[in-house]
Amino acid sequence: MNKTDLINNISTKSGLSKKDVEAVLNGFLGEVTDALKSGDKVQLIGFGTFETRKRSEREARNPQTGATIKIPASTVPAFKAGNKLKEAVK
């Protein structure tokens, strides 16, 4: 399912216009992005938690040449599913 499919499905089930659903979805995604940028986490009870995780610097091997390269430290977004979501997927 892509973003367009999600907007269509929500619009059909809620009775809202596609334009309104798209505005709400874009607002939600923007707020989650802003929270993660500032180091906060977004917790939706039962659904899951959006957060950031730090990856330390590490060494890796280039499979083509065999040379060792350094991968710099980074901060990456992560999602941890909540219990209700896990149960629904089972």
PDB file of N, CA and C in Angstrom:
ATOM      1  N   MET A   1       0.857  -1.168   0.000  1.00  0.00           N
ATOM      2  CA  MET A   1       0.000   0.000   0.000  1.00  0.00           C
ATOM      3  C   MET A   1       0.907   1.236   0.000  1.00  0.00           C
ATOM      4  N   ASN A   2       0.600   2.186  -0.858  1.00  0.00           N
ATOM      5  CA  ASN A   2       1.358   3.431  -0.877  1.00  0.00           C
ATOM      6  C   ASN A   2       0.494   4.548  -0.276  1.00  0.00           C
ATOM      7  N   LYS A   3       1.044   5.759  -0.284  1.00  0.00           N
ATOM      8  CA  LYS A   3       0.354   6.887   0.351  1.00  0.00           C
ATOM      9  C   LYS A   3      -0.996   7.163  -0.304  1.00  0.00           C
ATOM     10  N   THR A   4      -1.069   7.094  -1.620  1.00  0.00           N
ATOM     11  CA  THR A   4      -2.329   7.339  -2.333  1.00  0.00           C
ATOM     12  C   THR A   4      -3.379   6.303  -1.948  1.00  0.00           C
ATOM     13  N   ASP A   5      -2.986   5.041  -1.876  1.00  0.00           N
ATOM     14  CA  ASP A   5      -3.919   3.988  -1.469  1.00  0.00           C
ATOM     15  C   ASP A   5      -4.416   4.232  -0.046  1.00  0.00           C
ATOM     16  N   LEU A   6      -3.511   4.627   0.826  1.00  0.00           N
ATOM     17  CA  LEU A   6      -3.880   4.895   2.219  1.00  0.00           C
ATOM     18  C   LEU A   6      -4.892   6.040   2.296  1.00  0.00           C
ATOM     19  N   ILE A   7      -4.640   7.100   1.567  1.00  0.00           N
ATOM     20  CA  ILE A   7      -5.565   8.239   1.545  1.00  0.00           C
ATOM     21  C   ILE A   7      -6.931   7.808   1.011  1.00  0.00           C
ATOM     22  N   ASN A   8      -6.956   7.036  -0.061  1.00  0.00           N
ATOM     23  CA  ASN A   8      -8.225   6.562  -0.629  1.00  0.00           C
ATOM     24  C   ASN A   8      -8.986   5.689   0.359  1.00  0.00           C
ATOM     25  N   ASN A   9      -8.292   4.772   1.024  1.00  0.00           N
ATOM     26  CA  ASN A   9      -8.953   3.874   1.976  1.00  0.00           C
ATOM     27  C   ASN A   9      -9.526   4.637   3.172  1.00  0.00           C
ATOM     28  N   ILE A  10      -8.750   5.568   3.712  1.00  0.00           N
ATOM     29  CA  ILE A  10      -9.225   6.349   4.861  1.00  0.00           C
ATOM     30  C   ILE A  10     -10.407   7.215   4.449  1.00  0.00           C
ATOM     31  N   SER A  11     -10.336   7.809   3.262  1.00  0.00           N
ATOM     32  CA  SER A  11     -11.423   8.645   2.764  1.00  0.00           C
ATOM     33  C   SER A  11     -12.709   7.836   2.628  1.00  0.00           C
ATOM     34  N   THR A  12     -12.591   6.641   2.079  1.00  0.00           N
ATOM     35  CA  THR A  12     -13.765   5.783   1.901  1.00  0.00           C
ATOM     36  C   THR A  12     -14.374   5.374   3.243  1.00  0.00           C
ATOM     37  N   LYS A  13     -13.530   4.988   4.190  1.00  0.00           N
ATOM     38  CA  LYS A  13     -14.028   4.505   5.486  1.00  0.00           C
ATOM     39  C   LYS A  13     -14.535   5.621   6.382  1.00  0.00           C
ATOM     40  N   SER A  14     -13.966   6.817   6.265  1.00  0.00           N
ATOM     41  CA  SER A  14     -14.337   7.904   7.170  1.00  0.00           C
ATOM     42  C   SER A  14     -15.407   8.833   6.604  1.00  0.00           C
ATOM     43  N   GLY A  15     -15.575   8.839   5.275  1.00  0.00           N
ATOM     44  CA  GLY A  15     -16.528   9.751   4.662  1.00  0.00           C
ATOM     45  C   GLY A  15     -15.959  11.148   4.455  1.00  0.00           C
ATOM     46  N   LEU A  16     -14.693  11.358   4.789  1.00  0.00           N
ATOM     47  CA  LEU A  16     -14.044  12.652   4.565  1.00  0.00           C
ATOM     48  C   LEU A  16     -13.543  12.726   3.129  1.00  0.00           C
ATOM     49  N   SER A  17     -13.310  13.941   2.666  1.00  0.00           N
ATOM     50  CA  SER A  17     -12.791  14.085   1.308  1.00  0.00           C
ATOM     51  C   SER A  17     -11.322  13.665   1.272  1.00  0.00           C
ATOM     52  N   LYS A  18     -10.877  13.285   0.084  1.00  0.00           N
ATOM     53  CA  LYS A  18      -9.479  12.883  -0.085  1.00  0.00           C
ATOM     54  C   LYS A  18      -8.545  14.042   0.247  1.00  0.00           C
ATOM     55  N   LYS A  19      -8.963  15.252  -0.088  1.00  0.00           N
ATOM     56  CA  LYS A  19      -8.152  16.437   0.181  1.00  0.00           C
ATOM     57  C   LYS A  19      -7.964  16.636   1.686  1.00  0.00           C
ATOM     58  N   ASP A  20      -9.036  16.449   2.460  1.00  0.00           N
ATOM     59  CA  ASP A  20      -8.956  16.593   3.915  1.00  0.00           C
ATOM     60  C   ASP A  20      -8.082  15.499   4.530  1.00  0.00           C
ATOM     61  N   VAL A  21      -8.254  14.282   4.063  1.00  0.00           N
ATOM     62  CA  VAL A  21      -7.461  13.164   4.581  1.00  0.00           C
ATOM     63  C   VAL A  21      -5.990  13.385   4.269  1.00  0.00           C
ATOM     64  N   GLU A  22      -5.693  13.857   3.060  1.00  0.00           N
ATOM     65  CA  GLU A  22      -4.300  14.110   2.688  1.00  0.00           C
ATOM     66  C   GLU A  22      -3.686  15.193   3.566  1.00  0.00           C
ATOM     67  N   ALA A  23      -4.454  16.235   3.878  1.00  0.00           N
ATOM     68  CA  ALA A  23      -3.956  17.313   4.736  1.00  0.00           C
ATOM     69  C   ALA A  23      -3.647  16.792   6.140  1.00  0.00           C
ATOM     70  N   VAL A  24      -4.521  15.954   6.666  1.00  0.00           N
ATOM     71  CA  VAL A  24      -4.303  15.385   8.000  1.00  0.00           C
ATOM     72  C   VAL A  24      -3.089  14.455   7.991  1.00  0.00           C
ATOM     73  N   LEU A  25      -2.991  13.614   6.985  1.00  0.00           N
ATOM     74  CA  LEU A  25      -1.862  12.680   6.901  1.00  0.00           C
ATOM     75  C   LEU A  25      -0.543  13.434   6.760  1.00  0.00           C
ATOM     76  N   ASN A  26      -0.496  14.448   5.913  1.00  0.00           N
ATOM     77  CA  ASN A  26       0.716  15.247   5.754  1.00  0.00           C
ATOM     78  C   ASN A  26       1.072  15.977   7.045  1.00  0.00           C
ATOM     79  N   GLY A  27       0.053  16.464   7.754  1.00  0.00           N
ATOM     80  CA  GLY A  27       0.286  17.110   9.047  1.00  0.00           C
ATOM     81  C   GLY A  27       0.864  16.143  10.065  1.00  0.00           C
ATOM     82  N   PHE A  28       0.320  14.938  10.104  1.00  0.00           N
ATOM     83  CA  PHE A  28       0.822  13.912  11.019  1.00  0.00           C
ATOM     84  C   PHE A  28       2.276  13.567  10.715  1.00  0.00           C
ATOM     85  N   LEU A  29       2.569  13.331   9.443  1.00  0.00           N
ATOM     86  CA  LEU A  29       3.934  12.976   9.056  1.00  0.00           C
ATOM     87  C   LEU A  29       4.910  14.115   9.362  1.00  0.00           C
ATOM     88  N   GLY A  30       4.474  15.344   9.151  1.00  0.00           N
ATOM     89  CA  GLY A  30       5.315  16.498   9.464  1.00  0.00           C
ATOM     90  C   GLY A  30       5.610  16.615  10.946  1.00  0.00           C
ATOM     91  N   GLU A  31       4.597  16.383  11.775  1.00  0.00           N
ATOM     92  CA  GLU A  31       4.787  16.451  13.227  1.00  0.00           C
ATOM     93  C   GLU A  31       5.711  15.348  13.731  1.00  0.00           C
ATOM     94  N   VAL A  32       5.558  14.136  13.199  1.00  0.00           N
ATOM     95  CA  VAL A  32       6.449  13.039  13.589  1.00  0.00           C
ATOM     96  C   VAL A  32       7.881  13.364  13.178  1.00  0.00           C
ATOM     97  N   THR A  33       8.054  13.881  11.971  1.00  0.00           N
ATOM     98  CA  THR A  33       9.389  14.245  11.485  1.00  0.00           C
ATOM     99  C   THR A  33      10.014  15.325  12.357  1.00  0.00           C
ATOM    100  N   ASP A  34       9.245  16.356  12.694  1.00  0.00           N
ATOM    101  CA  ASP A  34       9.758  17.445  13.527  1.00  0.00           C
ATOM    102  C   ASP A  34      10.151  16.945  14.921  1.00  0.00           C
ATOM    103  N   ALA A  35       9.328  16.053  15.484  1.00  0.00           N
ATOM    104  CA  ALA A  35       9.632  15.511  16.804  1.00  0.00           C
ATOM    105  C   ALA A  35      10.921  14.693  16.774  1.00  0.00           C
ATOM    106  N   LEU A  36      11.095  13.872  15.746  1.00  0.00           N
ATOM    107  CA  LEU A  36      12.311  13.057  15.645  1.00  0.00           C
ATOM    108  C   LEU A  36      13.539  13.932  15.419  1.00  0.00           C
ATOM    109  N   LYS A  37      13.394  14.998  14.641  1.00  0.00           N
ATOM    110  CA  LYS A  37      14.511  15.921  14.411  1.00  0.00           C
ATOM    111  C   LYS A  37      14.987  16.549  15.715  1.00  0.00           C
ATOM    112  N   SER A  38      14.045  16.853  16.604  1.00  0.00           N
ATOM    113  CA  SER A  38      14.401  17.495  17.868  1.00  0.00           C
ATOM    114  C   SER A  38      14.791  16.489  18.948  1.00  0.00           C
ATOM    115  N   GLY A  39      14.808  15.203  18.606  1.00  0.00           N
ATOM    116  CA  GLY A  39      15.243  14.180  19.557  1.00  0.00           C
ATOM    117  C   GLY A  39      14.141  13.596  20.412  1.00  0.00           C
ATOM    118  N   ASP A  40      12.908  14.017  20.177  1.00  0.00           N
ATOM    119  CA  ASP A  40      11.776  13.479  20.939  1.00  0.00           C
ATOM    120  C   ASP A  40      11.307  12.172  20.305  1.00  0.00           C
ATOM    121  N   LYS A  41      10.466  11.450  21.042  1.00  0.00           N
ATOM    122  CA  LYS A  41       9.845  10.270  20.452  1.00  0.00           C
ATOM    123  C   LYS A  41       8.339  10.460  20.439  1.00  0.00           C
ATOM    124  N   VAL A  42       7.685   9.787  19.515  1.00  0.00           N
ATOM    125  CA  VAL A  42       6.233   9.872  19.371  1.00  0.00           C
ATOM    126  C   VAL A  42       5.667   8.506  19.710  1.00  0.00           C
ATOM    127  N   GLN A  43       4.867   8.458  20.776  1.00  0.00           N
ATOM    128  CA  GLN A  43       4.325   7.184  21.241  1.00  0.00           C
ATOM    129  C   GLN A  43       2.816   7.173  21.052  1.00  0.00           C
ATOM    130  N   LEU A  44       2.338   6.211  20.264  1.00  0.00           N
ATOM    131  CA  LEU A  44       0.909   6.007  20.047  1.00  0.00           C
ATOM    132  C   LEU A  44       0.554   4.690  20.742  1.00  0.00           C
ATOM    133  N   ILE A  45      -0.067   4.791  21.897  1.00  0.00           N
ATOM    134  CA  ILE A  45      -0.349   3.623  22.722  1.00  0.00           C
ATOM    135  C   ILE A  45      -1.107   2.577  21.912  1.00  0.00           C
ATOM    136  N   GLY A  46      -0.612   1.354  21.931  1.00  0.00           N
ATOM    137  CA  GLY A  46      -1.231   0.244  21.221  1.00  0.00           C
ATOM    138  C   GLY A  46      -0.746   0.087  19.793  1.00  0.00           C
ATOM    139  N   PHE A  47      -0.299   1.192  19.175  1.00  0.00           N
ATOM    140  CA  PHE A  47       0.177   1.123  17.791  1.00  0.00           C
ATOM    141  C   PHE A  47       1.690   0.981  17.748  1.00  0.00           C
ATOM    142  N   GLY A  48       2.391   1.920  18.369  1.00  0.00           N
ATOM    143  CA  GLY A  48       3.842   1.829  18.366  1.00  0.00           C
ATOM    144  C   GLY A  48       4.512   3.140  18.699  1.00  0.00           C
ATOM    145  N   THR A  49       5.842   3.130  18.640  1.00  0.00           N
ATOM    146  CA  THR A  49       6.647   4.286  18.997  1.00  0.00           C
ATOM    147  C   THR A  49       7.626   4.605  17.882  1.00  0.00           C
ATOM    148  N   PHE A  50       7.636   5.860  17.464  1.00  0.00           N
ATOM    149  CA  PHE A  50       8.634   6.370  16.529  1.00  0.00           C
ATOM    150  C   PHE A  50       9.718   7.022  17.372  1.00  0.00           C
ATOM    151  N   GLU A  51      10.980   6.676  17.136  1.00  0.00           N
ATOM    152  CA  GLU A  51      12.081   7.241  17.897  1.00  0.00           C
ATOM    153  C   GLU A  51      13.335   7.253  17.045  1.00  0.00           C
ATOM    154  N   THR A  52      14.397   7.839  17.581  1.00  0.00           N
ATOM    155  CA  THR A  52      15.682   7.820  16.889  1.00  0.00           C
ATOM    156  C   THR A  52      16.654   6.961  17.693  1.00  0.00           C
ATOM    157  N   ARG A  53      17.573   6.367  16.985  1.00  0.00           N
ATOM    158  CA  ARG A  53      18.614   5.550  17.617  1.00  0.00           C
ATOM    159  C   ARG A  53      19.962   5.987  17.075  1.00  0.00           C
ATOM    160  N   LYS A  54      20.942   5.953  17.944  1.00  0.00           N
ATOM    161  CA  LYS A  54      22.294   6.336  17.538  1.00  0.00           C
ATOM    162  C   LYS A  54      23.074   5.092  17.140  1.00  0.00           C
ATOM    163  N   ARG A  55      23.756   5.186  16.023  1.00  0.00           N
ATOM    164  CA  ARG A  55      24.647   4.119  15.574  1.00  0.00           C
ATOM    165  C   ARG A  55      26.075   4.625  15.728  1.00  0.00           C
ATOM    166  N   SER A  56      26.907   3.840  16.352  1.00  0.00           N
ATOM    167  CA  SER A  56      28.288   4.256  16.552  1.00  0.00           C
ATOM    168  C   SER A  56      29.101   4.043  15.272  1.00  0.00           C
ATOM    169  N   GLU A  57      30.259   4.687  15.240  1.00  0.00           N
ATOM    170  CA  GLU A  57      31.149   4.508  14.100  1.00  0.00           C
ATOM    171  C   GLU A  57      31.616   3.059  14.069  1.00  0.00           C
ATOM    172  N   ARG A  58      31.762   2.524  12.876  1.00  0.00           N
ATOM    173  CA  ARG A  58      32.198   1.133  12.778  1.00  0.00           C
ATOM    174  C   ARG A  58      32.986   0.923  11.496  1.00  0.00           C
ATOM    175  N   GLU A  59      33.667  -0.184  11.465  1.00  0.00           N
ATOM    176  CA  GLU A  59      34.423  -0.545  10.270  1.00  0.00           C
ATOM    177  C   GLU A  59      33.673  -1.626   9.509  1.00  0.00           C
ATOM    178  N   ALA A  60      33.741  -1.534   8.185  1.00  0.00           N
ATOM    179  CA  ALA A  60      33.096  -2.527   7.329  1.00  0.00           C
ATOM    180  C   ALA A  60      34.057  -2.881   6.209  1.00  0.00           C
ATOM    181  N   ARG A  61      33.728  -3.917   5.493  1.00  0.00           N
ATOM    182  CA  ARG A  61      34.594  -4.366   4.412  1.00  0.00           C
ATOM    183  C   ARG A  61      33.861  -4.209   3.080  1.00  0.00           C
ATOM    184  N   ASN A  62      34.545  -3.615   2.104  1.00  0.00           N
ATOM    185  CA  ASN A  62      34.010  -3.491   0.752  1.00  0.00           C
ATOM    186  C   ASN A  62      34.105  -4.872   0.105  1.00  0.00           C
ATOM    187  N   PRO A  63      32.985  -5.497  -0.248  1.00  0.00           N
ATOM    188  CA  PRO A  63      33.026  -6.854  -0.784  1.00  0.00           C
ATOM    189  C   PRO A  63      33.727  -6.965  -2.139  1.00  0.00           C
ATOM    190  N   GLN A  64      33.764  -5.882  -2.905  1.00  0.00           N
ATOM    191  CA  GLN A  64      34.413  -5.941  -4.217  1.00  0.00           C
ATOM    192  C   GLN A  64      35.927  -5.905  -4.112  1.00  0.00           C
ATOM    193  N   THR A  65      36.421  -5.053  -3.210  1.00  0.00           N
ATOM    194  CA  THR A  65      37.881  -4.886  -3.128  1.00  0.00           C
ATOM    195  C   THR A  65      38.480  -5.539  -1.901  1.00  0.00           C
ATOM    196  N   GLY A  66      37.674  -5.795  -0.893  1.00  0.00           N
ATOM    197  CA  GLY A  66      38.194  -6.355   0.344  1.00  0.00           C
ATOM    198  C   GLY A  66      38.774  -5.296   1.263  1.00  0.00           C
ATOM    199  N   ALA A  67      38.784  -4.041   0.816  1.00  0.00           N
ATOM    200  CA  ALA A  67      39.343  -2.953   1.619  1.00  0.00           C
ATOM    201  C   ALA A  67      38.425  -2.644   2.800  1.00  0.00           C
ATOM    202  N   THR A  68      39.025  -2.217   3.893  1.00  0.00           N
ATOM    203  CA  THR A  68      38.276  -1.822   5.078  1.00  0.00           C
ATOM    204  C   THR A  68      37.924  -0.349   4.964  1.00  0.00           C
ATOM    205  N   ILE A  69      36.659  -0.039   5.267  1.00  0.00           N
ATOM    206  CA  ILE A  69      36.224   1.359   5.249  1.00  0.00           C
ATOM    207  C   ILE A  69      35.585   1.688   6.589  1.00  0.00           C
ATOM    208  N   LYS A  70      35.601   2.977   6.942  1.00  0.00           N
ATOM    209  CA  LYS A  70      34.960   3.416   8.180  1.00  0.00           C
ATOM    210  C   LYS A  70      33.595   3.999   7.840  1.00  0.00           C
ATOM    211  N   ILE A  71      32.605   3.554   8.572  1.00  0.00           N
ATOM    212  CA  ILE A  71      31.253   4.090   8.425  1.00  0.00           C
ATOM    213  C   ILE A  71      31.050   5.036   9.603  1.00  0.00           C
ATOM    214  N   PRO A  72      30.765   6.318   9.338  1.00  0.00           N
ATOM    215  CA  PRO A  72      30.667   7.288  10.429  1.00  0.00           C
ATOM    216  C   PRO A  72      29.438   7.041  11.317  1.00  0.00           C
ATOM    217  N   ALA A  73      29.487   7.576  12.528  1.00  0.00           N
ATOM    218  CA  ALA A  73      28.355   7.495  13.444  1.00  0.00           C
ATOM    219  C   ALA A  73      27.174   8.238  12.847  1.00  0.00           C
ATOM    220  N   SER A  74      25.966   7.779  13.161  1.00  0.00           N
ATOM    221  CA  SER A  74      24.768   8.425  12.625  1.00  0.00           C
ATOM    222  C   SER A  74      23.592   8.231  13.557  1.00  0.00           C
ATOM    223  N   THR A  75      22.573   9.033  13.334  1.00  0.00           N
ATOM    224  CA  THR A  75      21.311   8.900  14.046  1.00  0.00           C
ATOM    225  C   THR A  75      20.269   8.485  13.018  1.00  0.00           C
ATOM    226  N   VAL A  76      19.536   7.418  13.306  1.00  0.00           N
ATOM    227  CA  VAL A  76      18.568   6.883  12.351  1.00  0.00           C
ATOM    228  C   VAL A  76      17.179   6.787  12.982  1.00  0.00           C
ATOM    229  N   PRO A  77      16.119   6.957  12.181  1.00  0.00           N
ATOM    230  CA  PRO A  77      14.769   6.784  12.705  1.00  0.00           C
ATOM    231  C   PRO A  77      14.465   5.297  12.900  1.00  0.00           C
ATOM    232  N   ALA A  78      13.614   5.016  13.896  1.00  0.00           N
ATOM    233  CA  ALA A  78      13.245   3.624  14.171  1.00  0.00           C
ATOM    234  C   ALA A  78      11.774   3.585  14.587  1.00  0.00           C
ATOM    235  N   PHE A  79      11.148   2.446  14.386  1.00  0.00           N
ATOM    236  CA  PHE A  79       9.764   2.233  14.803  1.00  0.00           C
ATOM    237  C   PHE A  79       9.687   0.940  15.578  1.00  0.00           C
ATOM    238  N   LYS A  80       9.059   0.991  16.739  1.00  0.00           N
ATOM    239  CA  LYS A  80       8.853  -0.206  17.549  1.00  0.00           C
ATOM    240  C   LYS A  80       7.346  -0.426  17.657  1.00  0.00           C
ATOM    241  N   ALA A  81       6.876  -1.557  17.175  1.00  0.00           N
ATOM    242  CA  ALA A  81       5.443  -1.857  17.162  1.00  0.00           C
ATOM    243  C   ALA A  81       4.920  -2.075  18.570  1.00  0.00           C
ATOM    244  N   GLY A  82       3.682  -1.610  18.802  1.00  0.00           N
ATOM    245  CA  GLY A  82       3.012  -1.805  20.080  1.00  0.00           C
ATOM    246  C   GLY A  82       2.326  -3.155  20.148  1.00  0.00           C
ATOM    247  N   ASN A  83       1.854  -3.501  21.337  1.00  0.00           N
ATOM    248  CA  ASN A  83       1.252  -4.823  21.557  1.00  0.00           C
ATOM    249  C   ASN A  83      -0.006  -5.048  20.726  1.00  0.00           C
ATOM    250  N   LYS A  84      -0.886  -4.063  20.632  1.00  0.00           N
ATOM    251  CA  LYS A  84      -2.121  -4.245  19.859  1.00  0.00           C
ATOM    252  C   LYS A  84      -1.804  -4.469  18.375  1.00  0.00           C
ATOM    253  N   LEU A  85      -0.820  -3.762  17.845  1.00  0.00           N
ATOM    254  CA  LEU A  85      -0.430  -3.937  16.452  1.00  0.00           C
ATOM    255  C   LEU A  85       0.170  -5.326  16.245  1.00  0.00           C
ATOM    256  N   LYS A  86       1.003  -5.758  17.178  1.00  0.00           N
ATOM    257  CA  LYS A  86       1.611  -7.091  17.074  1.00  0.00           C
ATOM    258  C   LYS A  86       0.537  -8.171  17.097  1.00  0.00           C
ATOM    259  N   GLU A  87      -0.453  -8.022  17.975  1.00  0.00           N
ATOM    260  CA  GLU A  87      -1.517  -9.019  18.069  1.00  0.00           C
ATOM    261  C   GLU A  87      -2.380  -9.031  16.801  1.00  0.00           C
ATOM    262  N   ALA A  88      -2.627  -7.862  16.224  1.00  0.00           N
ATOM    263  CA  ALA A  88      -3.453  -7.788  15.019  1.00  0.00           C
ATOM    264  C   ALA A  88      -2.780  -8.441  13.828  1.00  0.00           C
ATOM    265  N   VAL A  89      -1.462  -8.428  13.803  1.00  0.00           N
ATOM    266  CA  VAL A  89      -0.714  -8.982  12.660  1.00  0.00           C
ATOM    267  C   VAL A  89      -0.565 -10.482  12.774  1.00  0.00           C
ATOM    268  N   LYS A  90      -0.629 -11.016  13.979  1.00  0.00           N
ATOM    269  CA  LYS A  90      -0.430 -12.467  14.160  1.00  0.00           C
ATOM    270  C   LYS A  90      -1.359 -13.285  13.322  1.00  0.00           C
TER     271      LYS A  90
END
